PDB file of N, CA and C in Angstrom:
ATOM      1  N   MET A   1      85.099 -48.870 -46.893  1.00  0.00           N
ATOM      2  CA  MET A   1      83.553 -49.075 -46.529  1.00  0.00           C
ATOM      3  C   MET A   1      82.831 -47.915 -47.480  1.00  0.00           C
ATOM      4  N   LYS A   2      81.930 -48.409 -48.484  1.00  0.00           N
ATOM      5  CA  LYS A   2      81.744 -47.334 -49.431  1.00  0.00           C
ATOM      6  C   LYS A   2      80.192 -47.295 -49.040  1.00  0.00           C
ATOM      7  N   VAL A   3      79.671 -45.725 -48.855  1.00  0.00           N
ATOM      8  CA  VAL A   3      78.628 -45.127 -48.514  1.00  0.00           C
ATOM      9  C   VAL A   3      77.551 -44.815 -49.679  1.00  0.00           C
ATOM     10  N   PHE A   4      76.349 -44.807 -49.219  1.00  0.00           N
ATOM     11  CA  PHE A   4      75.775 -44.064 -50.629  1.00  0.00           C
ATOM     12  C   PHE A   4      74.253 -43.604 -49.429  1.00  0.00           C
ATOM     13  N   HIS A   5      73.449 -42.904 -50.954  1.00  0.00           N
ATOM     14  CA  HIS A   5      72.560 -42.252 -50.703  1.00  0.00           C
ATOM     15  C   HIS A   5      71.111 -42.727 -51.472  1.00  0.00           C
ATOM     16  N   MET A   6      69.975 -43.141 -50.883  1.00  0.00           N
ATOM     17  CA  MET A   6      69.048 -43.695 -52.079  1.00  0.00           C
ATOM     18  C   MET A   6      68.313 -42.187 -52.591  1.00  0.00           C
ATOM     19  N   ASP A   7      68.009 -42.702 -53.979  1.00  0.00           N
ATOM     20  CA  ASP A   7      67.442 -41.097 -54.282  1.00  0.00           C
ATOM     21  C   ASP A   7      66.142 -40.616 -53.307  1.00  0.00           C
ATOM     22  N   GLY A   8      66.172 -39.189 -53.484  1.00  0.00           N
ATOM     23  CA  GLY A   8      65.075 -38.948 -52.793  1.00  0.00           C
ATOM     24  C   GLY A   8      65.074 -38.652 -51.163  1.00  0.00           C
ATOM     25  N   ASP A   9      66.255 -39.411 -51.103  1.00  0.00           N
ATOM     26  CA  ASP A   9      66.300 -39.585 -49.301  1.00  0.00           C
ATOM     27  C   ASP A   9      67.290 -38.698 -48.963  1.00  0.00           C
ATOM     28  N   ASN A  10      67.198 -37.500 -48.388  1.00  0.00           N
ATOM     29  CA  ASN A  10      68.648 -36.937 -48.424  1.00  0.00           C
ATOM     30  C   ASN A  10      68.617 -36.431 -46.697  1.00  0.00           C
ATOM     31  N   LYS A  11      68.003 -37.348 -45.484  1.00  0.00           N
ATOM     32  CA  LYS A  11      68.408 -37.630 -44.305  1.00  0.00           C
ATOM     33  C   LYS A  11      69.085 -38.976 -43.521  1.00  0.00           C
ATOM     34  N   ARG A  12      69.383 -39.884 -44.899  1.00  0.00           N
ATOM     35  CA  ARG A  12      70.067 -41.236 -44.677  1.00  0.00           C
ATOM     36  C   ARG A  12      71.617 -41.342 -45.266  1.00  0.00           C
ATOM     37  N   LEU A  13      72.094 -42.016 -44.719  1.00  0.00           N
ATOM     38  CA  LEU A  13      73.126 -42.608 -45.066  1.00  0.00           C
ATOM     39  C   LEU A  13      73.503 -43.699 -44.537  1.00  0.00           C
ATOM     40  N   TYR A  14      73.621 -44.352 -46.293  1.00  0.00           N
ATOM     41  CA  TYR A  14      73.765 -46.020 -46.197  1.00  0.00           C
ATOM     42  C   TYR A  14      75.198 -46.627 -46.351  1.00  0.00           C
ATOM     43  N   PHE A  15      75.387 -47.869 -45.725  1.00  0.00           N
ATOM     44  CA  PHE A  15      76.293 -48.719 -46.018  1.00  0.00           C
ATOM     45  C   PHE A  15      76.524 -50.061 -47.198  1.00  0.00           C
ATOM     46  N   GLN A  16      77.007 -49.704 -47.965  1.00  0.00           N
ATOM     47  CA  GLN A  16      77.437 -51.302 -48.921  1.00  0.00           C
ATOM     48  C   GLN A  16      78.026 -52.353 -48.427  1.00  0.00           C
ATOM     49  N   ASN A  17      77.481 -53.768 -47.936  1.00  0.00           N
ATOM     50  CA  ASN A  17      78.276 -54.495 -47.373  1.00  0.00           C
ATOM     51  C   ASN A  17      79.027 -55.883 -48.333  1.00  0.00           C
ATOM     52  N   PHE A  18      79.952 -55.403 -49.184  1.00  0.00           N
ATOM     53  CA  PHE A  18      80.495 -55.680 -50.307  1.00  0.00           C
ATOM     54  C   PHE A  18      81.115 -57.106 -49.787  1.00  0.00           C
ATOM     55  N   SER A  19      81.648 -57.209 -48.506  1.00  0.00           N
ATOM     56  CA  SER A  19      82.110 -58.638 -48.057  1.00  0.00           C
ATOM     57  C   SER A  19      81.535 -59.128 -47.553  1.00  0.00           C
ATOM     58  N   HIS A  20      79.872 -59.339 -47.221  1.00  0.00           N
ATOM     59  CA  HIS A  20      79.177 -59.837 -46.765  1.00  0.00           C
ATOM     60  C   HIS A  20      79.675 -60.093 -45.274  1.00  0.00           C
ATOM     61  N   ARG A  21      79.931 -59.247 -44.611  1.00  0.00           N
ATOM     62  CA  ARG A  21      80.767 -59.637 -43.171  1.00  0.00           C
ATOM     63  C   ARG A  21      79.545 -59.279 -42.311  1.00  0.00           C
ATOM     64  N   PRO A  22      79.454 -59.888 -41.159  1.00  0.00           N
ATOM     65  CA  PRO A  22      78.114 -59.849 -39.770  1.00  0.00           C
ATOM     66  C   PRO A  22      77.942 -58.358 -39.620  1.00  0.00           C
ATOM     67  N   ASP A  23      76.562 -58.112 -39.267  1.00  0.00           N
ATOM     68  CA  ASP A  23      76.280 -56.899 -39.422  1.00  0.00           C
ATOM     69  C   ASP A  23      77.067 -56.115 -38.136  1.00  0.00           C
ATOM     70  N   GLU A  24      77.300 -57.048 -37.077  1.00  0.00           N
ATOM     71  CA  GLU A  24      77.989 -56.518 -35.936  1.00  0.00           C
ATOM     72  C   GLU A  24      78.970 -56.057 -35.932  1.00  0.00           C
ATOM     73  N   GLU A  25      79.983 -56.631 -36.964  1.00  0.00           N
ATOM     74  CA  GLU A  25      81.322 -55.814 -37.403  1.00  0.00           C
ATOM     75  C   GLU A  25      81.086 -54.936 -38.120  1.00  0.00           C
ATOM     76  N   GLU A  26      80.403 -55.000 -39.350  1.00  0.00           N
ATOM     77  CA  GLU A  26      80.269 -53.490 -39.915  1.00  0.00           C
ATOM     78  C   GLU A  26      79.731 -52.431 -38.545  1.00  0.00           C
ATOM     79  N   ARG A  27      79.080 -52.613 -37.966  1.00  0.00           N
ATOM     80  CA  ARG A  27      78.465 -51.387 -36.992  1.00  0.00           C
ATOM     81  C   ARG A  27      79.559 -51.140 -35.925  1.00  0.00           C
ATOM     82  N   ASP A  28      80.279 -52.157 -35.339  1.00  0.00           N
ATOM     83  CA  ASP A  28      81.782 -51.853 -34.769  1.00  0.00           C
ATOM     84  C   ASP A  28      82.518 -50.820 -35.436  1.00  0.00           C
ATOM     85  N   GLU A  29      83.026 -51.200 -37.137  1.00  0.00           N
ATOM     86  CA  GLU A  29      84.044 -50.168 -38.102  1.00  0.00           C
ATOM     87  C   GLU A  29      83.380 -48.993 -37.847  1.00  0.00           C
ATOM     88  N   ILE A  30      81.577 -48.693 -38.170  1.00  0.00           N
ATOM     89  CA  ILE A  30      81.069 -47.685 -38.302  1.00  0.00           C
ATOM     90  C   ILE A  30      81.692 -46.700 -37.019  1.00  0.00           C
ATOM     91  N   LEU A  31      81.603 -47.633 -35.858  1.00  0.00           N
ATOM     92  CA  LEU A  31      81.505 -46.749 -34.432  1.00  0.00           C
ATOM     93  C   LEU A  31      83.008 -46.344 -34.292  1.00  0.00           C
ATOM     94  N   LYS A  32      83.995 -46.797 -34.608  1.00  0.00           N
ATOM     95  CA  LYS A  32      85.263 -46.778 -34.369  1.00  0.00           C
ATOM     96  C   LYS A  32      85.873 -45.398 -35.478  1.00  0.00           C
ATOM     97  N   ILE A  33      85.173 -45.872 -36.717  1.00  0.00           N
ATOM     98  CA  ILE A  33      85.420 -44.491 -37.608  1.00  0.00           C
ATOM     99  C   ILE A  33      85.096 -43.285 -37.123  1.00  0.00           C
ATOM    100  N   LEU A  34      83.748 -43.482 -36.517  1.00  0.00           N
ATOM    101  CA  LEU A  34      82.970 -41.799 -36.430  1.00  0.00           C
ATOM    102  C   LEU A  34      83.926 -41.604 -34.471  1.00  0.00           C
ATOM    103  N   THR A  35      84.321 -42.508 -34.206  1.00  0.00           N
ATOM    104  CA  THR A  35      85.160 -41.828 -32.880  1.00  0.00           C
ATOM    105  C   THR A  35      86.271 -41.215 -33.030  1.00  0.00           C
ATOM    106  N   SER A  36      87.109 -42.201 -34.059  1.00  0.00           N
ATOM    107  CA  SER A  36      88.209 -41.571 -34.597  1.00  0.00           C
ATOM    108  C   SER A  36      88.208 -40.019 -35.084  1.00  0.00           C
ATOM    109  N   ALA A  37      86.752 -39.763 -35.872  1.00  0.00           N
ATOM    110  CA  ALA A  37      86.316 -38.400 -36.360  1.00  0.00           C
ATOM    111  C   ALA A  37      85.712 -37.780 -35.141  1.00  0.00           C
ATOM    112  N   ARG A  38      86.246 -37.828 -33.755  1.00  0.00           N
ATOM    113  CA  ARG A  38      85.772 -37.318 -32.742  1.00  0.00           C
ATOM    114  C   ARG A  38      84.446 -36.845 -32.662  1.00  0.00           C
ATOM    115  N   CYS A  39      83.462 -37.757 -32.791  1.00  0.00           N
ATOM    116  CA  CYS A  39      82.067 -37.634 -32.844  1.00  0.00           C
ATOM    117  C   CYS A  39      81.682 -37.969 -31.513  1.00  0.00           C
ATOM    118  N   ILE A  40      80.837 -37.854 -30.631  1.00  0.00           N
ATOM    119  CA  ILE A  40      80.304 -38.130 -29.679  1.00  0.00           C
ATOM    120  C   ILE A  40      79.172 -39.084 -29.715  1.00  0.00           C
ATOM    121  N   ILE A  41      79.218 -40.387 -29.300  1.00  0.00           N
ATOM    122  CA  ILE A  41      78.470 -41.089 -29.277  1.00  0.00           C
ATOM    123  C   ILE A  41      77.759 -41.806 -27.791  1.00  0.00           C
ATOM    124  N   GLU A  42      76.423 -41.589 -27.723  1.00  0.00           N
ATOM    125  CA  GLU A  42      75.762 -41.809 -26.474  1.00  0.00           C
ATOM    126  C   GLU A  42      75.861 -43.258 -26.539  1.00  0.00           C
ATOM    127  N   LYS A  43      75.709 -44.187 -25.108  1.00  0.00           N
ATOM    128  CA  LYS A  43      74.740 -45.467 -25.306  1.00  0.00           C
ATOM    129  C   LYS A  43      73.909 -45.703 -25.900  1.00  0.00           C
ATOM    130  N   PRO A  44      73.546 -46.806 -26.495  1.00  0.00           N
ATOM    131  CA  PRO A  44      72.330 -47.198 -27.021  1.00  0.00           C
ATOM    132  C   PRO A  44      71.117 -47.045 -26.523  1.00  0.00           C
ATOM    133  N   PHE A  45      69.897 -46.891 -27.159  1.00  0.00           N
ATOM    134  CA  PHE A  45      68.963 -47.065 -26.779  1.00  0.00           C
ATOM    135  C   PHE A  45      68.884 -48.531 -27.367  1.00  0.00           C
ATOM    136  N   MET A  46      68.425 -49.625 -26.696  1.00  0.00           N
ATOM    137  CA  MET A  46      68.063 -50.582 -27.335  1.00  0.00           C
ATOM    138  C   MET A  46      66.288 -51.081 -27.752  1.00  0.00           C
ATOM    139  N   GLY A  47      66.178 -50.926 -28.580  1.00  0.00           N
ATOM    140  CA  GLY A  47      64.673 -51.277 -28.993  1.00  0.00           C
ATOM    141  C   GLY A  47      64.296 -52.739 -29.260  1.00  0.00           C
ATOM    142  N   PRO A  48      63.222 -52.547 -29.978  1.00  0.00           N
ATOM    143  CA  PRO A  48      62.746 -54.243 -30.284  1.00  0.00           C
ATOM    144  C   PRO A  48      63.454 -54.672 -31.612  1.00  0.00           C
ATOM    145  N   ASP A  49      63.468 -53.786 -32.237  1.00  0.00           N
ATOM    146  CA  ASP A  49      64.410 -53.835 -33.745  1.00  0.00           C
ATOM    147  C   ASP A  49      65.422 -53.604 -34.150  1.00  0.00           C
ATOM    148  N   CYS A  50      65.735 -52.293 -33.645  1.00  0.00           N
ATOM    149  CA  CYS A  50      66.936 -51.756 -33.535  1.00  0.00           C
ATOM    150  C   CYS A  50      67.347 -51.039 -32.389  1.00  0.00           C
ATOM    151  N   ASP A  51      68.664 -50.514 -32.422  1.00  0.00           N
ATOM    152  CA  ASP A  51      69.697 -50.298 -31.646  1.00  0.00           C
ATOM    153  C   ASP A  51      69.560 -48.411 -32.232  1.00  0.00           C
ATOM    154  N   LEU A  52      69.389 -48.005 -30.965  1.00  0.00           N
ATOM    155  CA  LEU A  52      69.650 -46.205 -31.606  1.00  0.00           C
ATOM    156  C   LEU A  52      70.440 -45.511 -30.438  1.00  0.00           C
ATOM    157  N   TYR A  53      71.814 -45.076 -31.669  1.00  0.00           N
ATOM    158  CA  TYR A  53      73.044 -44.092 -30.701  1.00  0.00           C
ATOM    159  C   TYR A  53      72.557 -43.014 -31.014  1.00  0.00           C
ATOM    160  N   LYS A  54      72.229 -42.229 -30.080  1.00  0.00           N
ATOM    161  CA  LYS A  54      72.188 -40.372 -30.401  1.00  0.00           C
ATOM    162  C   LYS A  54      74.090 -39.952 -30.560  1.00  0.00           C
ATOM    163  N   CYS A  55      74.012 -39.140 -31.504  1.00  0.00           N
ATOM    164  CA  CYS A  55      75.493 -38.654 -31.625  1.00  0.00           C
ATOM    165  C   CYS A  55      75.368 -37.244 -31.812  1.00  0.00           C
ATOM    166  N   LYS A  56      76.834 -36.810 -31.862  1.00  0.00           N
ATOM    167  CA  LYS A  56      77.148 -35.584 -32.192  1.00  0.00           C
ATOM    168  C   LYS A  56      78.134 -35.266 -32.761  1.00  0.00           C
ATOM    169  N   ILE A  57      78.480 -34.152 -34.051  1.00  0.00           N
ATOM    170  CA  ILE A  57      79.532 -33.960 -34.994  1.00  0.00           C
ATOM    171  C   ILE A  57      79.557 -32.458 -34.888  1.00  0.00           C
ATOM    172  N   ASP A  58      80.734 -32.145 -34.137  1.00  0.00           N
ATOM    173  CA  ASP A  58      80.541 -30.196 -33.998  1.00  0.00           C
ATOM    174  C   ASP A  58      79.451 -29.755 -33.536  1.00  0.00           C
ATOM    175  N   GLY A  59      78.937 -30.332 -32.635  1.00  0.00           N
ATOM    176  CA  GLY A  59      77.832 -29.882 -31.958  1.00  0.00           C
ATOM    177  C   GLY A  59      76.263 -30.173 -32.598  1.00  0.00           C
ATOM    178  N   GLU A  60      76.360 -30.870 -33.726  1.00  0.00           N
ATOM    179  CA  GLU A  60      75.333 -31.005 -34.649  1.00  0.00           C
ATOM    180  C   GLU A  60      74.627 -32.677 -34.436  1.00  0.00           C
ATOM    181  N   ASP A  61      73.509 -32.541 -34.372  1.00  0.00           N
ATOM    182  CA  ASP A  61      73.359 -33.944 -33.673  1.00  0.00           C
ATOM    183  C   ASP A  61      72.784 -35.292 -35.155  1.00  0.00           C
ATOM    184  N   PHE A  62      73.317 -36.266 -34.525  1.00  0.00           N
ATOM    185  CA  PHE A  62      72.830 -37.149 -35.541  1.00  0.00           C
ATOM    186  C   PHE A  62      72.418 -38.513 -35.038  1.00  0.00           C
ATOM    187  N   SER A  63      72.342 -39.375 -35.919  1.00  0.00           N
ATOM    188  CA  SER A  63      71.906 -41.080 -35.326  1.00  0.00           C
ATOM    189  C   SER A  63      72.696 -42.134 -35.691  1.00  0.00           C
ATOM    190  N   ILE A  64      73.107 -43.234 -35.187  1.00  0.00           N
ATOM    191  CA  ILE A  64      73.414 -44.117 -35.865  1.00  0.00           C
ATOM    192  C   ILE A  64      72.091 -45.475 -35.275  1.00  0.00           C
ATOM    193  N   ILE A  65      71.549 -45.991 -36.408  1.00  0.00           N
ATOM    194  CA  ILE A  65      70.565 -46.809 -36.395  1.00  0.00           C
ATOM    195  C   ILE A  65      71.369 -47.799 -36.889  1.00  0.00           C
ATOM    196  N   TYR A  66      71.214 -49.122 -35.867  1.00  0.00           N
ATOM    197  CA  TYR A  66      72.017 -50.739 -35.880  1.00  0.00           C
ATOM    198  C   TYR A  66      70.516 -51.602 -36.148  1.00  0.00           C
ATOM    199  N   THR A  67      70.098 -52.077 -36.862  1.00  0.00           N
ATOM    200  CA  THR A  67      69.195 -53.035 -37.042  1.00  0.00           C
ATOM    201  C   THR A  67      69.463 -54.371 -36.770  1.00  0.00           C
ATOM    202  N   ILE A  68      68.300 -54.871 -36.225  1.00  0.00           N
ATOM    203  CA  ILE A  68      69.210 -56.144 -35.282  1.00  0.00           C
ATOM    204  C   ILE A  68      68.131 -57.293 -36.193  1.00  0.00           C
ATOM    205  N   ASP A  69      67.734 -56.924 -37.395  1.00  0.00           N
ATOM    206  CA  ASP A  69      66.779 -58.066 -38.454  1.00  0.00           C
ATOM    207  C   ASP A  69      67.834 -58.200 -39.368  1.00  0.00           C
ATOM    208  N   GLY A  70      69.113 -57.676 -39.832  1.00  0.00           N
ATOM    209  CA  GLY A  70      69.905 -58.147 -41.084  1.00  0.00           C
ATOM    210  C   GLY A  70      69.945 -57.091 -41.858  1.00  0.00           C
ATOM    211  N   ASP A  71      69.321 -55.822 -41.612  1.00  0.00           N
ATOM    212  CA  ASP A  71      69.440 -54.806 -42.659  1.00  0.00           C
ATOM    213  C   ASP A  71      70.927 -54.213 -42.142  1.00  0.00           C
ATOM    214  N   GLY A  72      71.520 -54.355 -41.180  1.00  0.00           N
ATOM    215  CA  GLY A  72      72.566 -53.576 -41.141  1.00  0.00           C
ATOM    216  C   GLY A  72      72.653 -51.798 -40.573  1.00  0.00           C
ATOM    217  N   THR A  73      73.542 -50.935 -40.695  1.00  0.00           N
ATOM    218  CA  THR A  73      73.561 -49.854 -39.871  1.00  0.00           C
ATOM    219  C   THR A  73      73.375 -48.880 -41.077  1.00  0.00           C
ATOM    220  N   PHE A  74      72.456 -47.574 -40.574  1.00  0.00           N
ATOM    221  CA  PHE A  74      72.623 -46.433 -41.199  1.00  0.00           C
ATOM    222  C   PHE A  74      72.613 -45.553 -40.367  1.00  0.00           C
ATOM    223  N   LEU A  75      73.021 -44.040 -40.797  1.00  0.00           N
ATOM    224  CA  LEU A  75      73.125 -42.910 -40.131  1.00  0.00           C
ATOM    225  C   LEU A  75      72.066 -41.943 -40.635  1.00  0.00           C
ATOM    226  N   TYR A  76      71.566 -41.047 -39.441  1.00  0.00           N
ATOM    227  CA  TYR A  76      70.435 -40.246 -39.922  1.00  0.00           C
ATOM    228  C   TYR A  76      70.485 -39.020 -39.239  1.00  0.00           C
ATOM    229  N   ALA A  77      70.341 -38.087 -40.267  1.00  0.00           N
ATOM    230  CA  ALA A  77      70.398 -36.628 -39.519  1.00  0.00           C
ATOM    231  C   ALA A  77      69.506 -35.671 -40.518  1.00  0.00           C
ATOM    232  N   ASP A  78      68.688 -34.487 -39.321  1.00  0.00           N
ATOM    233  CA  ASP A  78      67.760 -34.062 -40.273  1.00  0.00           C
ATOM    234  C   ASP A  78      68.111 -32.842 -40.931  1.00  0.00           C
ATOM    235  N   ASP A  79      69.324 -32.506 -40.428  1.00  0.00           N
ATOM    236  CA  ASP A  79      70.070 -31.437 -41.411  1.00  0.00           C
ATOM    237  C   ASP A  79      71.064 -32.027 -42.129  1.00  0.00           C
ATOM    238  N   GLU A  80      70.911 -31.652 -43.683  1.00  0.00           N
ATOM    239  CA  GLU A  80      71.790 -31.831 -44.772  1.00  0.00           C
ATOM    240  C   GLU A  80      73.103 -31.632 -44.801  1.00  0.00           C
ATOM    241  N   THR A  81      73.809 -30.768 -43.639  1.00  0.00           N
ATOM    242  CA  THR A  81      75.179 -30.203 -43.769  1.00  0.00           C
ATOM    243  C   THR A  81      75.479 -31.356 -42.733  1.00  0.00           C
ATOM    244  N   THR A  82      75.231 -31.611 -41.548  1.00  0.00           N
ATOM    245  CA  THR A  82      75.588 -32.702 -40.904  1.00  0.00           C
ATOM    246  C   THR A  82      75.664 -34.222 -41.676  1.00  0.00           C
ATOM    247  N   LEU A  83      74.974 -34.571 -42.317  1.00  0.00           N
ATOM    248  CA  LEU A  83      74.989 -35.638 -43.443  1.00  0.00           C
ATOM    249  C   LEU A  83      76.340 -35.476 -44.318  1.00  0.00           C
ATOM    250  N   SER A  84      76.484 -34.099 -44.739  1.00  0.00           N
ATOM    251  CA  SER A  84      77.547 -34.050 -45.911  1.00  0.00           C
ATOM    252  C   SER A  84      78.442 -34.096 -44.968  1.00  0.00           C
ATOM    253  N   LYS A  85      78.920 -34.226 -43.796  1.00  0.00           N
ATOM    254  CA  LYS A  85      80.133 -34.025 -42.910  1.00  0.00           C
ATOM    255  C   LYS A  85      80.432 -35.578 -42.701  1.00  0.00           C
ATOM    256  N   LEU A  86      79.338 -36.452 -42.139  1.00  0.00           N
ATOM    257  CA  LEU A  86      79.538 -37.852 -42.193  1.00  0.00           C
ATOM    258  C   LEU A  86      79.716 -38.176 -43.372  1.00  0.00           C
ATOM    259  N   ASP A  87      79.110 -37.863 -44.489  1.00  0.00           N
ATOM    260  CA  ASP A  87      79.573 -38.587 -46.103  1.00  0.00           C
ATOM    261  C   ASP A  87      80.784 -38.405 -46.058  1.00  0.00           C
ATOM    262  N   GLU A  88      81.361 -37.118 -45.749  1.00  0.00           N
ATOM    263  CA  GLU A  88      82.971 -36.642 -46.176  1.00  0.00           C
ATOM    264  C   GLU A  88      83.901 -37.799 -45.231  1.00  0.00           C
ATOM    265  N   ILE A  89      83.562 -37.941 -43.871  1.00  0.00           N
ATOM    266  CA  ILE A  89      83.952 -38.920 -43.181  1.00  0.00           C
ATOM    267  C   ILE A  89      84.350 -40.235 -43.702  1.00  0.00           C
ATOM    268  N   PHE A  90      83.834 -40.638 -44.371  1.00  0.00           N
ATOM    269  CA  PHE A  90      83.466 -42.254 -44.608  1.00  0.00           C
ATOM    270  C   PHE A  90      83.993 -42.139 -46.329  1.00  0.00           C
ATOM    271  N   ASN A  91      84.479 -41.202 -46.589  1.00  0.00           N
ATOM    272  CA  ASN A  91      84.747 -40.789 -47.831  1.00  0.00           C
ATOM    273  C   ASN A  91      86.281 -41.042 -48.297  1.00  0.00           C
ATOM    274  N   LEU A  92      86.781 -40.328 -46.574  1.00  0.00           N
ATOM    275  CA  LEU A  92      88.234 -40.471 -46.660  1.00  0.00           C
ATOM    276  C   LEU A  92      89.127 -41.900 -46.198  1.00  0.00           C
ATOM    277  N   GLU A  93      88.052 -42.940 -45.741  1.00  0.00           N
ATOM    278  CA  GLU A  93      88.482 -44.259 -45.520  1.00  0.00           C
ATOM    279  C   GLU A  93      89.169 -44.941 -46.722  1.00  0.00           C
TER     280      GLU A  93
END
């Protein structure tokens, strides 16, 4: 699973879906990787266009946003240090 940042966006981490697998499968893999990295993941808040999972890594907050309109899943963190930790987790995969 490859991660990337969009230019000028230092709060989100996106995933490239090269194999065109279903969004649910991508989300499940992201959840599995983060759980293995000892992230705390709360039950999702189900919105009309996305599911929001509030999470923690080393006591720092971040969110998993799973869009239900076919745009996949991305991670959001207010703090760049938190996003860097998440980036490292996925670059080890």
